[in-house]
C-alpha atoms as a PDB file:
ATOM      1  CA  UNK A   1     -17.884  12.047 -10.146  1.00  0.00           C
ATOM      2  CA  UNK A   2     -14.198  12.068  -8.770  1.00  0.00           C
ATOM      3  CA  UNK A   3     -13.438   8.903 -10.639  1.00  0.00           C
ATOM      4  CA  UNK A   4     -15.156   9.363 -13.568  1.00  0.00           C
ATOM      5  CA  UNK A   5     -13.814  12.571 -14.156  1.00  0.00           C
ATOM      6  CA  UNK A   6     -10.204  11.881 -13.983  1.00  0.00           C
ATOM      7  CA  UNK A   7     -10.470   8.916 -16.332  1.00  0.00           C
ATOM      8  CA  UNK A   8     -11.199  10.805 -18.613  1.00  0.00           C
ATOM      9  CA  UNK A   9      -9.096  13.458 -18.760  1.00  0.00           C
ATOM     10  CA  UNK A  10      -6.474  11.122 -18.366  1.00  0.00           C
ATOM     11  CA  UNK A  11      -8.036   9.433 -21.494  1.00  0.00           C
ATOM     12  CA  UNK A  12      -9.805   6.824 -20.358  1.00  0.00           C
ATOM     13  CA  UNK A  13     -13.249   5.254 -21.738  1.00  0.00           C
ATOM     14  CA  UNK A  14     -15.991   4.769 -18.758  1.00  0.00           C
ATOM     15  CA  UNK A  15     -18.219   1.243 -20.126  1.00  0.00           C
ATOM     16  CA  UNK A  16     -20.419  -0.425 -18.662  1.00  0.00           C
ATOM     17  CA  UNK A  17     -17.087  -3.151 -17.121  1.00  0.00           C
ATOM     18  CA  UNK A  18     -16.351  -0.267 -15.174  1.00  0.00           C
ATOM     19  CA  UNK A  19     -18.189   0.042 -11.916  1.00  0.00           C
ATOM     20  CA  UNK A  20     -17.016   3.921 -10.766  1.00  0.00           C
ATOM     21  CA  UNK A  21     -19.754   3.666  -7.167  1.00  0.00           C
ATOM     22  CA  UNK A  22     -17.741   0.749  -6.388  1.00  0.00           C
ATOM     23  CA  UNK A  23     -14.627   2.372  -7.081  1.00  0.00           C
ATOM     24  CA  UNK A  24     -15.925   5.283  -5.369  1.00  0.00           C
ATOM     25  CA  UNK A  25     -16.730   3.300  -1.989  1.00  0.00           C
ATOM     26  CA  UNK A  26     -13.274   1.908  -1.961  1.00  0.00           C
ATOM     27  CA  UNK A  27     -11.270   4.815  -1.870  1.00  0.00           C
ATOM     28  CA  UNK A  28     -13.077   6.436   0.795  1.00  0.00           C
ATOM     29  CA  UNK A  29     -10.751   7.878   2.773  1.00  0.00           C
ATOM     30  CA  UNK A  30      -8.138   9.032  -0.523  1.00  0.00           C
ATOM     31  CA  UNK A  31      -7.493  12.199  -1.517  1.00  0.00           C
ATOM     32  CA  UNK A  32      -8.248  13.490  -4.762  1.00  0.00           C
ATOM     33  CA  UNK A  33      -4.740  14.048  -5.378  1.00  0.00           C
ATOM     34  CA  UNK A  34      -4.025  10.466  -4.681  1.00  0.00           C
ATOM     35  CA  UNK A  35      -7.060   9.115  -6.901  1.00  0.00           C
ATOM     36  CA  UNK A  36      -5.350  11.106  -9.584  1.00  0.00           C
ATOM     37  CA  UNK A  37      -1.858   9.556  -8.876  1.00  0.00           C
ATOM     38  CA  UNK A  38      -3.703   6.199  -8.873  1.00  0.00           C
ATOM     39  CA  UNK A  39      -5.463   6.781 -12.504  1.00  0.00           C
ATOM     40  CA  UNK A  40      -1.896   8.696 -14.062  1.00  0.00           C
ATOM     41  CA  UNK A  41      -0.315   5.215 -12.715  1.00  0.00           C
ATOM     42  CA  UNK A  42      -3.141   2.667 -14.794  1.00  0.00           C
ATOM     43  CA  UNK A  43      -4.002   5.057 -17.741  1.00  0.00           C
ATOM     44  CA  UNK A  44      -0.206   5.525 -18.982  1.00  0.00           C
ATOM     45  CA  UNK A  45      -0.259   5.953 -22.893  1.00  0.00           C
ATOM     46  CA  UNK A  46      -0.121   2.251 -24.001  1.00  0.00           C
ATOM     47  CA  UNK A  47      -2.907   1.497 -21.871  1.00  0.00           C
ATOM     48  CA  UNK A  48      -5.198   4.178 -23.395  1.00  0.00           C
ATOM     49  CA  UNK A  49      -4.560   2.762 -26.721  1.00  0.00           C
ATOM     50  CA  UNK A  50      -5.431  -0.523 -25.858  1.00  0.00           C
ATOM     51  CA  UNK A  51      -8.907   0.511 -24.611  1.00  0.00           C
ATOM     52  CA  UNK A  52     -10.531   0.037 -28.077  1.00  0.00           C
ATOM     53  CA  UNK A  53      -9.593  -3.676 -27.610  1.00  0.00           C
ATOM     54  CA  UNK A  54      -9.602  -4.697 -23.842  1.00  0.00           C
ATOM     55  CA  UNK A  55     -11.669  -1.742 -21.718  1.00  0.00           C
ATOM     56  CA  UNK A  56     -10.994  -0.649 -18.044  1.00  0.00           C
ATOM     57  CA  UNK A  57     -11.932  -3.019 -15.591  1.00  0.00           C
ATOM     58  CA  UNK A  58     -12.002  -1.662 -11.472  1.00  0.00           C
ATOM     59  CA  UNK A  59      -9.798  -3.931 -10.684  1.00  0.00           C
ATOM     60  CA  UNK A  60      -6.717  -1.783 -12.487  1.00  0.00           C
ATOM     61  CA  UNK A  61      -7.176   0.677  -9.787  1.00  0.00           C
ATOM     62  CA  UNK A  62      -6.896  -1.660  -7.136  1.00  0.00           C
ATOM     63  CA  UNK A  63      -3.464  -2.578  -6.557  1.00  0.00           C
ATOM     64  CA  UNK A  64      -1.994   1.091  -7.062  1.00  0.00           C
ATOM     65  CA  UNK A  65      -4.899   2.222  -4.556  1.00  0.00           C
ATOM     66  CA  UNK A  66      -3.693  -0.210  -1.869  1.00  0.00           C
ATOM     67  CA  UNK A  67      -0.028   1.117  -2.110  1.00  0.00           C
ATOM     68  CA  UNK A  68      -0.969   4.600  -0.763  1.00  0.00           C
ATOM     69  CA  UNK A  69      -2.840   4.960   2.778  1.00  0.00           C
ATOM     70  CA  UNK A  70      -5.621   6.720   2.740  1.00  0.00           C
ATOM     71  CA  UNK A  71      -6.326  10.022   5.291  1.00  0.00           C
ATOM     72  CA  UNK A  72      -8.328   8.432   8.706  1.00  0.00           C
ATOM     73  CA  UNK A  73     -10.992  10.067  10.130  1.00  0.00           C
ATOM     74  CA  UNK A  74      -9.485  11.239  13.011  1.00  0.00           C
ATOM     75  CA  UNK A  75      -6.221  13.003  11.023  1.00  0.00           C
ATOM     76  CA  UNK A  76      -9.536  14.653   8.592  1.00  0.00           C
ATOM     77  CA  UNK A  77     -11.382  16.586  11.808  1.00  0.00           C
ATOM     78  CA  UNK A  78      -7.498  16.989  13.051  1.00  0.00           C
ATOM     79  CA  UNK A  79      -7.212  18.965   9.933  1.00  0.00           C
ATOM     80  CA  UNK A  80     -10.960  20.420   9.844  1.00  0.00           C
ATOM     81  CA  UNK A  81      -9.945  21.795  13.655  1.00  0.00           C
ATOM     82  CA  UNK A  82      -6.306  23.440  12.329  1.00  0.00           C
ATOM     83  CA  UNK A  83      -8.087  25.132   9.476  1.00  0.00           C
ATOM     84  CA  UNK A  84     -10.686  26.595  11.601  1.00  0.00           C
ATOM     85  CA  UNK A  85      -8.294  28.060  14.463  1.00  0.00           C
ATOM     86  CA  UNK A  86      -6.345  29.366  11.606  1.00  0.00           C
ATOM     87  CA  UNK A  87      -8.593  31.114   9.564  1.00  0.00           C
ATOM     88  CA  UNK A  88     -10.167  32.792  13.252  1.00  0.00           C
ATOM     89  CA  UNK A  89      -6.316  33.618  13.879  1.00  0.00           C
ATOM     90  CA  UNK A  90      -6.613  35.486  11.087  1.00  0.00           C
ATOM     91  CA  UNK A  91     -10.015  36.648  10.872  1.00  0.00           C
ATOM     92  CA  UNK A  92     -11.043  34.909   7.755  1.00  0.00           C
ATOM     93  CA  UNK A  93     -14.620  33.935   7.149  1.00  0.00           C
ATOM     94  CA  UNK A  94     -14.803  30.542   7.772  1.00  0.00           C
ATOM     95  CA  UNK A  95     -18.092  29.903   5.488  1.00  0.00           C
ATOM     96  CA  UNK A  96     -16.625  32.040   3.103  1.00  0.00           C
ATOM     97  CA  UNK A  97     -13.309  30.003   2.634  1.00  0.00           C
ATOM     98  CA  UNK A  98     -15.121  26.745   2.925  1.00  0.00           C
ATOM     99  CA  UNK A  99     -18.213  27.436   0.325  1.00  0.00           C
ATOM    100  CA  UNK A 100     -15.019  28.033  -1.862  1.00  0.00           C
ATOM    101  CA  UNK A 101     -12.639  25.184  -1.514  1.00  0.00           C
ATOM    102  CA  UNK A 102     -15.064  22.592  -0.646  1.00  0.00           C
ATOM    103  CA  UNK A 103     -16.627  21.471  -4.421  1.00  0.00           C
ATOM    104  CA  UNK A 104     -13.283  18.897  -4.504  1.00  0.00           C
ATOM    105  CA  UNK A 105     -15.941  15.839  -5.691  1.00  0.00           C
ATOM    106  CA  UNK A 106     -16.762  18.411  -8.144  1.00  0.00           C
ATOM    107  CA  UNK A 107     -13.271  18.311 -10.027  1.00  0.00           C
END
């Protein structure tokens, strides 16, 4: 869903040759911001203008994605612990906070 949304927002067109589910699997561990950065690298104005003649292919996104370092599970877990500690110290309800921020995949 995230790849589909960002690609279309940046002017890309989804076709049968673009395997979104494979992109999602390969990009596990990357943030939404990183995926947006990859899409902006690939979908420059010149490439968007070529879409009618040459549809997007998943391989176009791999090299820009590989240049970025993913967020590893250990780092993600450490962030969650720090976030929950912060919310506790500030006396904020973690469930309220998380329910308003978790929908990253729905961008």
